[in-house]
Structure formats: structure tokens, C-alpha cells
Amino acid sequence: MNRYGLIFVLYQPDAEFVDNLRRAREICADLVAVDNTPEPDAALHAALHRERIDVLVNRNRGGLAGAYNRGAEVLLARGCEVIFLLDQDSKIEASFFTAMMQACAAVGGDSFVLGPRVYEINLRKCMPTFPPGRRFPRPVRMTEREHGLFPTLFVISSGSAISAAAYRKLGAFREDYFIEYIDIEYGLRASSQGVPVYVNADVTMQQTTGHIRRHGKLYTTHHVAWRRYYGARNAVHCLRLYKAHWGLHWLSGALALHQALCVALFEPDKLRKLTAIACGYLDGRRGRLGTFERLHPRIHAYCTRASREAQAAERAKPAPAPAPGDAG
């Protein structure tokens, strides 16, 4: 396998994220950016096109899963044998693709899913792997492991590599999940269908997940209420979906309770977030999928009211007065 391509997902990107895109383009010529911003910045797109960076406008259709699927369609049509995924807040080194492609070759087959070792900046540690097993898998700490391939049930999507053969066998990411658990579901789907999933410890990627804050042994992501809905719902649905293969289905209730406890103890906007978690958990048990706003328009409106009010207040702030000497 020699030809690879990169899907770089944008969502309301600021200058730092656009710089991440430009750096990724420098080290991966076969790149397609997918802008998931509902109302994309036409001036930004024009500037990127002048730099010969391909940009697809997806407007959040199918959420993050939809962005991955649109990008995969383009890269597969170009003949790419390996598809890499990258979110705008992830940073990679110049050696990233060389080391990852070496690991792809070491797998020994043409069908695989492979991810780097992920260092969570806010937690100051590497995320663990979960080796396949009928019972609840015992997590393997990766902080001290710096070399080799480690089998796991799933990998974090950003920075991961999916072979074209695996994507064609497994199919697209679930757009009815929208954002949360799309990588975990894909990994469990692969593991249950005999497609190997590995973490490549020779490559480390730094990443942040939400606005994580530690509280002793607990930590919170401070995700907004609507993301809490998808996190609770998709966890229930995903883990129950593969209970015939992996003994994980009982964990979803514990995860929802853990989310609720952390929100109740440490996060603001508690009632909206707890409402979203409860609603998501019940929908997951019932198998109700799709967008939050379509399934529960009134609850969605209530859960997103705080963020809308904060954005409106920000827009209503008067522009700062010019400093002396700036006028004219």
C-alpha cells in the first residue's frame, strides 16, 4: 500500500485550526477538507482554494460521521488505499504519515483500522487500549508503551487510518449517531466482522477532548447539553448493538450515571445537561436514532437555550473603543 489520503474536518474554524489544516496539507498532498460549519465562510474557502486545498461543503449533514463519509467518497474515487481522519484541533508531526504507513504495512493484510497512541493534553496521560475479549475488556495503559501494535476494540477517530478494503467491507460511518460514539461503533463493527483494530504505539498524537477539568480522580469534559444527549444515547445503542460479541452492554447505564454525577457535582447549566442525558439514555434503550432536534424539538430547544443566549449576548456587546491614535 502506497497511496493514502487525509480527510480534515472543519467546524467554525478559528485561525489556529486553519493553520493546522495548512500544516497537514504540507505533509499530505492528497487531502480533502470537509467544512461542517452550517454557514461556511465563503472568504475562507476562496483563500483555501487559491492555495489549492480542496474543500467540500457539508453543512453538518450527518454530523461528524457525514463529514467522514463525504471525504471518504472523494479519496476512494481517487484510488487511495488508506484513508486518514483528522479533526481540526489535532496536531500531527511531519513524520506522522510515514510512521503510520509503516505500521499499516506491518499489519500483514489489506483490511484494518489503525490509530496512533493518543496523549490527552488536559489529563496529561495517554488514553488506554481495550483488547478484544468476551468479558469486559481490561484496559491497557499506554503511557509507558512506546513501540509496537496493540490490538484493541476501537480507536479514536482523529488520527486513525482505515484501509480502503476495510471501509468497503464495513461500510460508512453511522450518520444517525451524528457525532458521539461514531468511532467506537465503527471499531466494534470492525472487531465483530474480523477486521483487526490496532493502536500504533510508535506514533503519539496530542489531542484535547472538550474543556476537561480534573476534580481529584474524576474529570469533566464540560460538553454542552446537546452533546450530552448524543453521548448518553449512542453509548446505550452502540454497546447493546454488539452485546452478542462483546460483554459491554451493561456499561452504558454506568456511563450515563457517571456523566450525570460529574455534571451534578462540577458543571454549570446542570438541569439542561441532566435533562439531555436522561432523554438520550431513554432514546438509546428504545433504539430511537437521528438528530436531537428532530426527535425532541421542545427538549432540544430547552437544552440549547443557554448557548443561544450566550451567543446573542456576545453579539450584543458594543465594539471596543479605538485606542488613542487609532482613529483616522
C-alpha atoms as a PDB file:
ATOM      1  CA  MET A   1       0.000   0.000   0.000  1.00  0.00           C
ATOM      2  CA  ASN A   2       1.475   3.283  -1.098  1.00  0.00           C
ATOM      3  CA  ARG A   3      -1.279   5.797  -1.755  1.00  0.00           C
ATOM      4  CA  TYR A   4      -3.022   7.435   1.177  1.00  0.00           C
ATOM      5  CA  GLY A   5      -5.213  10.468   1.653  1.00  0.00           C
ATOM      6  CA  LEU A   6      -6.429  12.633   4.524  1.00  0.00           C
ATOM      7  CA  ILE A   7      -9.903  13.855   5.472  1.00  0.00           C
ATOM      8  CA  PHE A   8      -9.574  17.053   7.529  1.00  0.00           C
ATOM      9  CA  VAL A   9     -12.838  18.134   9.190  1.00  0.00           C
ATOM     10  CA  LEU A  10     -13.540  21.807   9.860  1.00  0.00           C
ATOM     11  CA  TYR A  11     -16.276  23.273  12.049  1.00  0.00           C
ATOM     12  CA  GLN A  12     -16.399  27.035  12.591  1.00  0.00           C
ATOM     13  CA  PRO A  13     -12.596  27.036  12.398  1.00  0.00           C
ATOM     14  CA  ASP A  14     -10.571  29.797  14.019  1.00  0.00           C
ATOM     15  CA  ALA A  15      -7.124  30.904  12.828  1.00  0.00           C
ATOM     16  CA  GLU A  16      -5.345  28.178  14.815  1.00  0.00           C
ATOM     17  CA  PHE A  17      -7.444  25.413  13.255  1.00  0.00           C
ATOM     18  CA  VAL A  18      -6.906  26.797   9.758  1.00  0.00           C
ATOM     19  CA  ASP A  19      -3.166  26.774  10.465  1.00  0.00           C
ATOM     20  CA  ASN A  20      -3.497  23.112  11.484  1.00  0.00           C
ATOM     21  CA  LEU A  21      -5.115  22.456   8.099  1.00  0.00           C
ATOM     22  CA  ARG A  22      -2.307  24.200   6.239  1.00  0.00           C
ATOM     23  CA  ARG A  23       0.351  22.226   8.144  1.00  0.00           C
ATOM     24  CA  ALA A  24      -1.470  18.976   7.384  1.00  0.00           C
ATOM     25  CA  ARG A  25      -1.612  19.919   3.700  1.00  0.00           C
ATOM     26  CA  GLU A  26       2.156  20.473   3.686  1.00  0.00           C
ATOM     27  CA  ILE A  27       2.810  16.878   4.731  1.00  0.00           C
ATOM     28  CA  CYS A  28      -0.072  15.186   2.890  1.00  0.00           C
ATOM     29  CA  ALA A  29      -0.622  16.175  -0.708  1.00  0.00           C
ATOM     30  CA  ASP A  30      -3.783  14.060  -1.126  1.00  0.00           C
ATOM     31  CA  LEU A  31      -6.008  15.992   1.295  1.00  0.00           C
ATOM     32  CA  VAL A  32      -9.652  16.958   1.252  1.00  0.00           C
ATOM     33  CA  ALA A  33     -11.073  19.363   3.829  1.00  0.00           C
ATOM     34  CA  VAL A  34     -14.735  18.922   4.734  1.00  0.00           C
ATOM     35  CA  ASP A  35     -16.313  22.025   6.232  1.00  0.00           C
ATOM     36  CA  ASN A  36     -19.169  21.056   8.545  1.00  0.00           C
ATOM     37  CA  THR A  37     -19.967  24.638   9.500  1.00  0.00           C
ATOM     38  CA  PRO A  38     -23.726  25.225   8.947  1.00  0.00           C
ATOM     39  CA  GLU A  39     -22.988  28.623   7.346  1.00  0.00           C
ATOM     40  CA  PRO A  40     -19.447  28.325   5.982  1.00  0.00           C
ATOM     41  CA  ASP A  41     -17.101  31.260   5.477  1.00  0.00           C
ATOM     42  CA  ALA A  42     -17.000  31.925   1.731  1.00  0.00           C
ATOM     43  CA  ALA A  43     -13.917  34.148   2.029  1.00  0.00           C
ATOM     44  CA  LEU A  44     -12.017  31.399   3.867  1.00  0.00           C
ATOM     45  CA  HIS A  45     -12.995  28.854   1.217  1.00  0.00           C
ATOM     46  CA  ALA A  46     -11.828  31.168  -1.554  1.00  0.00           C
ATOM     47  CA  ALA A  47      -8.474  31.614   0.190  1.00  0.00           C
ATOM     48  CA  LEU A  48      -8.050  27.859   0.636  1.00  0.00           C
ATOM     49  CA  HIS A  49      -8.955  27.202  -2.996  1.00  0.00           C
ATOM     50  CA  ARG A  50      -6.284  29.708  -4.052  1.00  0.00           C
ATOM     51  CA  GLU A  51      -3.842  27.596  -2.051  1.00  0.00           C
ATOM     52  CA  ARG A  52      -5.102  24.537  -3.943  1.00  0.00           C
ATOM     53  CA  ILE A  53      -6.686  22.983  -0.864  1.00  0.00           C
ATOM     54  CA  ASP A  54      -9.842  21.066  -1.790  1.00  0.00           C
ATOM     55  CA  VAL A  55     -12.811  21.998   0.410  1.00  0.00           C
ATOM     56  CA  LEU A  56     -16.162  20.206   0.461  1.00  0.00           C
ATOM     57  CA  VAL A  57     -19.171  21.979   1.966  1.00  0.00           C
ATOM     58  CA  ASN A  58     -21.186  19.525   4.095  1.00  0.00           C
ATOM     59  CA  ARG A  59     -23.070  21.957   6.409  1.00  0.00           C
ATOM     60  CA  ASN A  60     -23.067  19.357   9.210  1.00  0.00           C
ATOM     61  CA  ARG A  61     -25.184  16.885   7.198  1.00  0.00           C
ATOM     62  CA  GLY A  62     -24.880  13.658   9.171  1.00  0.00           C
ATOM     63  CA  GLY A  63     -22.656  15.394  11.716  1.00  0.00           C
ATOM     64  CA  LEU A  64     -19.019  14.349  12.041  1.00  0.00           C
ATOM     65  CA  ALA A  65     -19.905  10.940  10.585  1.00  0.00           C
ATOM     66  CA  GLY A  66     -21.286  12.637   7.488  1.00  0.00           C
ATOM     67  CA  ALA A  67     -18.097  14.652   7.042  1.00  0.00           C
ATOM     68  CA  TYR A  68     -16.000  11.488   7.196  1.00  0.00           C
ATOM     69  CA  ASN A  69     -18.255   9.739   4.691  1.00  0.00           C
ATOM     70  CA  ARG A  70     -18.204  12.639   2.191  1.00  0.00           C
ATOM     71  CA  GLY A  71     -14.425  12.786   2.392  1.00  0.00           C
ATOM     72  CA  ALA A  72     -14.051   9.018   2.058  1.00  0.00           C
ATOM     73  CA  GLU A  73     -16.107   9.041  -1.137  1.00  0.00           C
ATOM     74  CA  VAL A  74     -13.666  11.519  -2.679  1.00  0.00           C
ATOM     75  CA  LEU A  75     -10.483   9.714  -1.570  1.00  0.00           C
ATOM     76  CA  LEU A  76     -11.751   6.300  -2.650  1.00  0.00           C
ATOM     77  CA  ALA A  77     -12.595   7.739  -6.073  1.00  0.00           C
ATOM     78  CA  ARG A  78      -9.005   9.000  -6.293  1.00  0.00           C
ATOM     79  CA  GLY A  79      -7.693   5.483  -5.682  1.00  0.00           C
ATOM     80  CA  CYS A  80      -6.404   5.952  -2.129  1.00  0.00           C
ATOM     81  CA  GLU A  81      -5.603   2.651  -0.418  1.00  0.00           C
ATOM     82  CA  VAL A  82      -5.572   4.115   3.110  1.00  0.00           C
ATOM     83  CA  ILE A  83      -7.855   6.880   4.438  1.00  0.00           C
ATOM     84  CA  PHE A  84      -6.728   9.013   7.373  1.00  0.00           C
ATOM     85  CA  LEU A  85      -9.143  11.033   9.517  1.00  0.00           C
ATOM     86  CA  LEU A  86      -8.204  14.227  11.328  1.00  0.00           C
ATOM     87  CA  ASP A  87     -10.199  16.760  13.343  1.00  0.00           C
ATOM     88  CA  GLN A  88      -9.258  20.427  13.244  1.00  0.00           C
ATOM     89  CA  ASP A  89      -7.939  20.527  16.828  1.00  0.00           C
ATOM     90  CA  SER A  90      -5.483  17.650  16.291  1.00  0.00           C
ATOM     91  CA  LYS A  91      -1.830  18.357  15.556  1.00  0.00           C
ATOM     92  CA  ILE A  92       0.482  15.956  13.755  1.00  0.00           C
ATOM     93  CA  GLU A  93       4.226  15.913  13.138  1.00  0.00           C
ATOM     94  CA  ALA A  94       5.908  15.711   9.741  1.00  0.00           C
ATOM     95  CA  SER A  95       6.819  12.040  10.367  1.00  0.00           C
ATOM     96  CA  PHE A  96       3.228  11.057  11.189  1.00  0.00           C
ATOM     97  CA  PHE A  97       2.197   9.536   7.863  1.00  0.00           C
ATOM     98  CA  THR A  98       5.497   7.728   7.273  1.00  0.00           C
ATOM     99  CA  ALA A  99       5.333   6.008  10.659  1.00  0.00           C
ATOM    100  CA  MET A 100       1.635   5.193  10.340  1.00  0.00           C
ATOM    101  CA  MET A 101       2.044   3.747   6.846  1.00  0.00           C
ATOM    102  CA  GLN A 102       4.912   1.578   8.103  1.00  0.00           C
ATOM    103  CA  ALA A 103       2.529   0.226  10.746  1.00  0.00           C
ATOM    104  CA  CYS A 104      -0.155  -0.352   8.095  1.00  0.00           C
ATOM    105  CA  ALA A 105       2.331  -2.496   6.163  1.00  0.00           C
ATOM    106  CA  ALA A 106       3.244  -4.393   9.343  1.00  0.00           C
ATOM    107  CA  VAL A 107      -0.388  -5.441   9.929  1.00  0.00           C
ATOM    108  CA  GLY A 108       0.039  -8.026   7.192  1.00  0.00           C
ATOM    109  CA  GLY A 109      -3.308  -7.702   5.426  1.00  0.00           C
ATOM    110  CA  ASP A 110      -5.260  -5.248   3.302  1.00  0.00           C
ATOM    111  CA  SER A 111      -8.186  -4.817   5.729  1.00  0.00           C
ATOM    112  CA  PHE A 112      -7.580  -2.983   9.025  1.00  0.00           C
ATOM    113  CA  VAL A 113      -8.305   0.004  11.246  1.00  0.00           C
ATOM    114  CA  LEU A 114      -5.278   1.604  12.895  1.00  0.00           C
ATOM    115  CA  GLY A 115      -4.909   4.506  15.311  1.00  0.00           C
ATOM    116  CA  PRO A 116      -1.989   6.309  16.950  1.00  0.00           C
ATOM    117  CA  ARG A 117      -1.352   6.397  20.650  1.00  0.00           C
ATOM    118  CA  VAL A 118      -3.325   9.428  21.866  1.00  0.00           C
ATOM    119  CA  TYR A 119      -1.970  11.748  24.552  1.00  0.00           C
ATOM    120  CA  GLU A 120      -4.778  13.695  26.241  1.00  0.00           C
ATOM    121  CA  ILE A 121      -3.223  17.074  26.972  1.00  0.00           C
ATOM    122  CA  ASN A 122      -5.597  18.100  29.764  1.00  0.00           C
ATOM    123  CA  LEU A 123      -5.374  14.744  31.544  1.00  0.00           C
ATOM    124  CA  ARG A 124      -1.603  14.564  30.955  1.00  0.00           C
ATOM    125  CA  LYS A 125      -1.690  10.879  30.043  1.00  0.00           C
ATOM    126  CA  CYS A 126      -2.150   8.543  27.079  1.00  0.00           C
ATOM    127  CA  MET A 127      -5.564   7.026  26.508  1.00  0.00           C
ATOM    128  CA  PRO A 128      -5.748   3.255  27.173  1.00  0.00           C
ATOM    129  CA  THR A 129      -6.487   0.432  24.754  1.00  0.00           C
ATOM    130  CA  PHE A 130      -9.235  -2.155  25.273  1.00  0.00           C
ATOM    131  CA  PRO A 131      -8.112  -5.570  23.977  1.00  0.00           C
ATOM    132  CA  PRO A 132     -10.854  -7.762  22.480  1.00  0.00           C
ATOM    133  CA  GLY A 133     -12.488 -10.288  24.804  1.00  0.00           C
ATOM    134  CA  ARG A 134     -15.871 -11.805  25.530  1.00  0.00           C
ATOM    135  CA  ARG A 135     -15.981 -10.314  29.002  1.00  0.00           C
ATOM    136  CA  PHE A 136     -15.475  -6.688  29.858  1.00  0.00           C
ATOM    137  CA  PRO A 137     -12.024  -5.884  28.437  1.00  0.00           C
ATOM    138  CA  ARG A 138      -9.377  -4.874  30.914  1.00  0.00           C
ATOM    139  CA  PRO A 139      -7.884  -1.548  29.771  1.00  0.00           C
ATOM    140  CA  VAL A 140      -4.178  -1.495  28.982  1.00  0.00           C
ATOM    141  CA  ARG A 141      -2.302   1.639  29.977  1.00  0.00           C
ATOM    142  CA  MET A 142      -0.377   3.106  27.070  1.00  0.00           C
ATOM    143  CA  THR A 143       1.650   5.840  28.769  1.00  0.00           C
ATOM    144  CA  GLU A 144       4.672   3.558  29.267  1.00  0.00           C
ATOM    145  CA  ARG A 145       4.273   1.708  25.940  1.00  0.00           C
ATOM    146  CA  GLU A 146       6.107   3.435  23.115  1.00  0.00           C
ATOM    147  CA  HIS A 147       6.586   0.742  20.461  1.00  0.00           C
ATOM    148  CA  GLY A 148       4.525  -1.901  18.702  1.00  0.00           C
ATOM    149  CA  LEU A 149       0.970  -2.640  17.637  1.00  0.00           C
ATOM    150  CA  PHE A 150      -1.632  -3.262  20.341  1.00  0.00           C
ATOM    151  CA  PRO A 151      -4.963  -4.950  19.478  1.00  0.00           C
ATOM    152  CA  THR A 152      -7.986  -3.012  20.707  1.00  0.00           C
ATOM    153  CA  LEU A 153     -11.745  -2.944  20.247  1.00  0.00           C
ATOM    154  CA  PHE A 154     -11.731   0.603  18.884  1.00  0.00           C
ATOM    155  CA  VAL A 155      -9.586   3.676  18.296  1.00  0.00           C
ATOM    156  CA  ILE A 156     -10.301   7.391  18.488  1.00  0.00           C
ATOM    157  CA  SER A 157     -11.262   8.587  15.017  1.00  0.00           C
ATOM    158  CA  SER A 158      -8.944  11.593  14.765  1.00  0.00           C
ATOM    159  CA  GLY A 159      -5.558  10.425  13.543  1.00  0.00           C
ATOM    160  CA  SER A 160      -6.818   6.961  12.620  1.00  0.00           C
ATOM    161  CA  ALA A 161      -6.235   5.105   9.361  1.00  0.00           C
ATOM    162  CA  ILE A 162      -8.807   2.909   7.626  1.00  0.00           C
ATOM    163  CA  SER A 163      -7.815   0.783   4.688  1.00  0.00           C
ATOM    164  CA  ALA A 164      -9.958   1.112   1.584  1.00  0.00           C
ATOM    165  CA  ALA A 165     -10.686  -2.627   1.792  1.00  0.00           C
ATOM    166  CA  ALA A 166     -11.933  -2.259   5.380  1.00  0.00           C
ATOM    167  CA  TYR A 167     -14.121   0.751   4.533  1.00  0.00           C
ATOM    168  CA  ARG A 168     -15.700  -1.092   1.612  1.00  0.00           C
ATOM    169  CA  LYS A 169     -16.336  -4.153   3.789  1.00  0.00           C
ATOM    170  CA  LEU A 170     -17.657  -2.301   6.844  1.00  0.00           C
ATOM    171  CA  GLY A 171     -19.491   0.493   5.084  1.00  0.00           C
ATOM    172  CA  ALA A 172     -19.904   4.128   6.049  1.00  0.00           C
ATOM    173  CA  PHE A 173     -19.876   5.709   9.493  1.00  0.00           C
ATOM    174  CA  ARG A 174     -23.302   5.900  11.136  1.00  0.00           C
ATOM    175  CA  GLU A 175     -24.750   9.303  10.343  1.00  0.00           C
ATOM    176  CA  ASP A 176     -27.712   8.668  12.637  1.00  0.00           C
ATOM    177  CA  TYR A 177     -25.203   8.806  15.516  1.00  0.00           C
ATOM    178  CA  PHE A 178     -24.254  12.291  14.315  1.00  0.00           C
ATOM    179  CA  ILE A 179     -21.152  12.843  16.496  1.00  0.00           C
ATOM    180  CA  GLU A 180     -20.624  10.801  19.669  1.00  0.00           C
ATOM    181  CA  TYR A 181     -19.515   7.144  19.612  1.00  0.00           C
ATOM    182  CA  ILE A 182     -19.132   7.027  15.842  1.00  0.00           C
ATOM    183  CA  ASP A 183     -15.536   5.805  16.200  1.00  0.00           C
ATOM    184  CA  ILE A 184     -16.360   3.336  18.969  1.00  0.00           C
ATOM    185  CA  GLU A 185     -19.234   1.881  16.945  1.00  0.00           C
ATOM    186  CA  TYR A 186     -17.012   1.612  13.871  1.00  0.00           C
ATOM    187  CA  GLY A 187     -14.295  -0.149  15.847  1.00  0.00           C
ATOM    188  CA  LEU A 188     -16.754  -2.594  17.401  1.00  0.00           C
ATOM    189  CA  ARG A 189     -18.255  -3.191  13.967  1.00  0.00           C
ATOM    190  CA  ALA A 190     -14.791  -3.948  12.600  1.00  0.00           C
ATOM    191  CA  SER A 191     -13.843  -6.198  15.525  1.00  0.00           C
ATOM    192  CA  SER A 192     -17.098  -8.149  15.240  1.00  0.00           C
ATOM    193  CA  GLN A 193     -16.542  -8.723  11.494  1.00  0.00           C
ATOM    194  CA  GLY A 194     -12.953  -9.914  11.732  1.00  0.00           C
ATOM    195  CA  VAL A 195     -11.280  -6.653  10.697  1.00  0.00           C
ATOM    196  CA  PRO A 196      -8.313  -6.100  13.039  1.00  0.00           C
ATOM    197  CA  VAL A 197      -8.102  -2.845  15.009  1.00  0.00           C
ATOM    198  CA  TYR A 198      -4.765  -1.704  16.431  1.00  0.00           C
ATOM    199  CA  VAL A 199      -3.138   1.180  18.273  1.00  0.00           C
ATOM    200  CA  ASN A 200       0.291   2.035  16.903  1.00  0.00           C
ATOM    201  CA  ALA A 201       2.408   2.986  19.923  1.00  0.00           C
ATOM    202  CA  ASP A 202       5.254   4.201  17.690  1.00  0.00           C
ATOM    203  CA  VAL A 203       3.196   7.303  16.874  1.00  0.00           C
ATOM    204  CA  THR A 204       1.804   9.667  19.506  1.00  0.00           C
ATOM    205  CA  MET A 205      -0.785  12.317  18.701  1.00  0.00           C
ATOM    206  CA  GLN A 206      -1.677  15.076  21.134  1.00  0.00           C
ATOM    207  CA  GLN A 207      -5.354  15.931  21.499  1.00  0.00           C
ATOM    208  CA  THR A 208      -7.887  17.569  23.784  1.00  0.00           C
ATOM    209  CA  THR A 209     -11.426  16.318  24.394  1.00  0.00           C
ATOM    210  CA  GLY A 210     -13.739  19.136  25.357  1.00  0.00           C
ATOM    211  CA  HIS A 211     -12.741  21.501  28.150  1.00  0.00           C
ATOM    212  CA  ILE A 212     -11.556  18.828  30.541  1.00  0.00           C
ATOM    213  CA  ARG A 213     -11.037  19.774  34.167  1.00  0.00           C
ATOM    214  CA  ARG A 214      -9.800  17.431  36.870  1.00  0.00           C
ATOM    215  CA  HIS A 215     -11.555  17.055  40.227  1.00  0.00           C
ATOM    216  CA  GLY A 216      -9.424  14.564  42.123  1.00  0.00           C
ATOM    217  CA  LYS A 217      -9.889  11.181  40.474  1.00  0.00           C
ATOM    218  CA  LEU A 218     -12.873  12.463  38.494  1.00  0.00           C
ATOM    219  CA  TYR A 219     -12.818  14.762  35.499  1.00  0.00           C
ATOM    220  CA  THR A 220     -15.441  16.552  33.433  1.00  0.00           C
ATOM    221  CA  THR A 221     -15.488  17.465  29.735  1.00  0.00           C
ATOM    222  CA  HIS A 222     -17.878  20.430  30.087  1.00  0.00           C
ATOM    223  CA  HIS A 223     -19.633  19.463  26.876  1.00  0.00           C
ATOM    224  CA  VAL A 224     -22.817  21.382  26.135  1.00  0.00           C
ATOM    225  CA  ALA A 225     -26.219  19.794  26.786  1.00  0.00           C
ATOM    226  CA  TRP A 226     -26.939  18.652  23.219  1.00  0.00           C
ATOM    227  CA  ARG A 227     -23.651  16.706  23.128  1.00  0.00           C
ATOM    228  CA  ARG A 228     -24.549  15.099  26.434  1.00  0.00           C
ATOM    229  CA  TYR A 229     -27.702  13.812  24.741  1.00  0.00           C
ATOM    230  CA  TYR A 230     -25.779  12.110  21.944  1.00  0.00           C
ATOM    231  CA  GLY A 231     -23.146  10.764  24.341  1.00  0.00           C
ATOM    232  CA  ALA A 232     -25.729   9.042  26.548  1.00  0.00           C
ATOM    233  CA  ARG A 233     -27.950   7.814  23.711  1.00  0.00           C
ATOM    234  CA  ASN A 234     -25.248   6.497  21.417  1.00  0.00           C
ATOM    235  CA  ALA A 235     -23.412   4.740  24.241  1.00  0.00           C
ATOM    236  CA  VAL A 236     -26.540   2.764  25.092  1.00  0.00           C
ATOM    237  CA  HIS A 237     -27.354   1.937  21.486  1.00  0.00           C
ATOM    238  CA  CYS A 238     -23.807   1.083  20.432  1.00  0.00           C
ATOM    239  CA  LEU A 239     -22.893  -1.178  23.349  1.00  0.00           C
ATOM    240  CA  ARG A 240     -26.215  -3.037  23.160  1.00  0.00           C
ATOM    241  CA  LEU A 241     -25.796  -3.414  19.394  1.00  0.00           C
ATOM    242  CA  TYR A 242     -22.705  -5.593  19.823  1.00  0.00           C
ATOM    243  CA  LYS A 243     -23.579  -7.397  23.042  1.00  0.00           C
ATOM    244  CA  ALA A 244     -23.535 -10.749  21.198  1.00  0.00           C
ATOM    245  CA  HIS A 245     -19.819 -10.219  20.533  1.00  0.00           C
ATOM    246  CA  TRP A 246     -18.509  -8.192  23.474  1.00  0.00           C
ATOM    247  CA  GLY A 247     -19.685  -8.050  27.078  1.00  0.00           C
ATOM    248  CA  LEU A 248     -20.077  -4.291  27.214  1.00  0.00           C
ATOM    249  CA  HIS A 249     -23.832  -3.668  27.098  1.00  0.00           C
ATOM    250  CA  TRP A 250     -24.227  -3.316  30.865  1.00  0.00           C
ATOM    251  CA  LEU A 251     -21.674  -0.487  30.884  1.00  0.00           C
ATOM    252  CA  SER A 252     -23.923   2.076  29.201  1.00  0.00           C
ATOM    253  CA  GLY A 253     -26.064   2.634  32.283  1.00  0.00           C
ATOM    254  CA  ALA A 254     -22.954   3.143  34.404  1.00  0.00           C
ATOM    255  CA  LEU A 255     -21.588   5.623  31.878  1.00  0.00           C
ATOM    256  CA  ALA A 256     -24.834   7.618  31.907  1.00  0.00           C
ATOM    257  CA  LEU A 257     -24.806   7.696  35.719  1.00  0.00           C
ATOM    258  CA  HIS A 258     -21.165   8.763  35.710  1.00  0.00           C
ATOM    259  CA  GLN A 259     -21.958  11.585  33.265  1.00  0.00           C
ATOM    260  CA  ALA A 260     -24.881  12.717  35.402  1.00  0.00           C
ATOM    261  CA  LEU A 261     -22.827  12.604  38.611  1.00  0.00           C
ATOM    262  CA  CYS A 262     -19.994  14.704  37.148  1.00  0.00           C
ATOM    263  CA  VAL A 263     -22.456  17.244  35.756  1.00  0.00           C
ATOM    264  CA  ALA A 264     -24.336  17.456  39.064  1.00  0.00           C
ATOM    265  CA  LEU A 265     -21.147  17.909  41.080  1.00  0.00           C
ATOM    266  CA  PHE A 266     -18.953  20.100  38.911  1.00  0.00           C
ATOM    267  CA  GLU A 267     -20.591  21.638  35.832  1.00  0.00           C
ATOM    268  CA  PRO A 268     -22.803  24.671  35.241  1.00  0.00           C
ATOM    269  CA  ASP A 269     -26.168  24.505  33.436  1.00  0.00           C
ATOM    270  CA  LYS A 270     -26.929  21.306  35.353  1.00  0.00           C
ATOM    271  CA  LEU A 271     -30.660  20.949  34.713  1.00  0.00           C
ATOM    272  CA  ARG A 272     -30.365  21.219  30.924  1.00  0.00           C
ATOM    273  CA  LYS A 273     -27.483  18.744  30.797  1.00  0.00           C
ATOM    274  CA  LEU A 274     -29.165  16.251  33.131  1.00  0.00           C
ATOM    275  CA  THR A 275     -32.356  16.501  31.067  1.00  0.00           C
ATOM    276  CA  ALA A 276     -30.351  15.802  27.897  1.00  0.00           C
ATOM    277  CA  ILE A 277     -28.605  12.788  29.485  1.00  0.00           C
ATOM    278  CA  ALA A 278     -31.887  11.280  30.695  1.00  0.00           C
ATOM    279  CA  CYS A 279     -33.572  11.850  27.337  1.00  0.00           C
ATOM    280  CA  GLY A 280     -30.613  10.361  25.474  1.00  0.00           C
ATOM    281  CA  TYR A 281     -30.454   7.299  27.691  1.00  0.00           C
ATOM    282  CA  LEU A 282     -34.147   6.551  27.167  1.00  0.00           C
ATOM    283  CA  ASP A 283     -33.865   7.030  23.408  1.00  0.00           C
ATOM    284  CA  GLY A 284     -30.883   4.695  23.331  1.00  0.00           C
ATOM    285  CA  ARG A 285     -32.833   1.996  25.161  1.00  0.00           C
ATOM    286  CA  ARG A 286     -35.695   2.414  22.689  1.00  0.00           C
ATOM    287  CA  GLY A 287     -33.420   2.443  19.632  1.00  0.00           C
ATOM    288  CA  ARG A 288     -34.553   5.932  18.575  1.00  0.00           C
ATOM    289  CA  LEU A 289     -31.826   7.487  16.424  1.00  0.00           C
ATOM    290  CA  GLY A 290     -31.460  10.645  14.392  1.00  0.00           C
ATOM    291  CA  THR A 291     -30.899  14.281  15.288  1.00  0.00           C
ATOM    292  CA  PHE A 292     -31.893  15.574  18.713  1.00  0.00           C
ATOM    293  CA  GLU A 293     -33.863  18.486  17.260  1.00  0.00           C
ATOM    294  CA  ARG A 294     -35.953  16.226  15.024  1.00  0.00           C
ATOM    295  CA  LEU A 295     -36.757  13.667  17.708  1.00  0.00           C
ATOM    296  CA  HIS A 296     -37.447  16.134  20.537  1.00  0.00           C
ATOM    297  CA  PRO A 297     -37.836  19.683  19.211  1.00  0.00           C
ATOM    298  CA  ARG A 298     -39.080  21.156  22.509  1.00  0.00           C
ATOM    299  CA  ILE A 299     -36.488  19.445  24.713  1.00  0.00           C
ATOM    300  CA  HIS A 300     -33.778  20.346  22.199  1.00  0.00           C
ATOM    301  CA  ALA A 301     -34.879  23.981  22.244  1.00  0.00           C
ATOM    302  CA  TYR A 302     -34.740  23.990  26.053  1.00  0.00           C
ATOM    303  CA  CYS A 303     -31.325  22.279  26.173  1.00  0.00           C
ATOM    304  CA  THR A 304     -29.752  24.651  23.649  1.00  0.00           C
ATOM    305  CA  ARG A 305     -31.311  27.857  25.002  1.00  0.00           C
ATOM    306  CA  ALA A 306     -28.350  28.697  27.244  1.00  0.00           C
ATOM    307  CA  SER A 307     -25.798  28.520  24.431  1.00  0.00           C
ATOM    308  CA  ARG A 308     -28.032  30.575  22.129  1.00  0.00           C
ATOM    309  CA  GLU A 309     -28.480  33.222  24.817  1.00  0.00           C
ATOM    310  CA  ALA A 310     -24.729  33.347  25.423  1.00  0.00           C
ATOM    311  CA  GLN A 311     -24.066  33.797  21.693  1.00  0.00           C
ATOM    312  CA  ALA A 312     -26.710  36.533  21.459  1.00  0.00           C
ATOM    313  CA  ALA A 313     -25.182  38.339  24.442  1.00  0.00           C
ATOM    314  CA  GLU A 314     -21.749  38.128  22.837  1.00  0.00           C
ATOM    315  CA  ARG A 315     -23.061  39.610  19.596  1.00  0.00           C
ATOM    316  CA  ALA A 316     -24.828  42.390  21.517  1.00  0.00           C
ATOM    317  CA  LYS A 317     -21.631  43.601  23.188  1.00  0.00           C
ATOM    318  CA  PRO A 318     -20.522  47.003  21.906  1.00  0.00           C
ATOM    319  CA  ALA A 319     -17.373  47.048  19.830  1.00  0.00           C
ATOM    320  CA  PRO A 320     -14.302  48.110  21.836  1.00  0.00           C
ATOM    321  CA  ALA A 321     -13.487  51.773  21.600  1.00  0.00           C
ATOM    322  CA  PRO A 322     -10.463  52.515  19.407  1.00  0.00           C
ATOM    323  CA  ALA A 323      -7.245  53.192  21.262  1.00  0.00           C
ATOM    324  CA  PRO A 324      -5.942  56.758  21.222  1.00  0.00           C
ATOM    325  CA  GLY A 325      -4.284  57.426  17.912  1.00  0.00           C
ATOM    326  CA  ASP A 326      -6.142  54.622  16.077  1.00  0.00           C
ATOM    327  CA  ALA A 327      -8.809  56.830  14.513  1.00  0.00           C
ATOM    328  CA  GLY A 328      -8.228  58.268  11.076  1.00  0.00           C
END
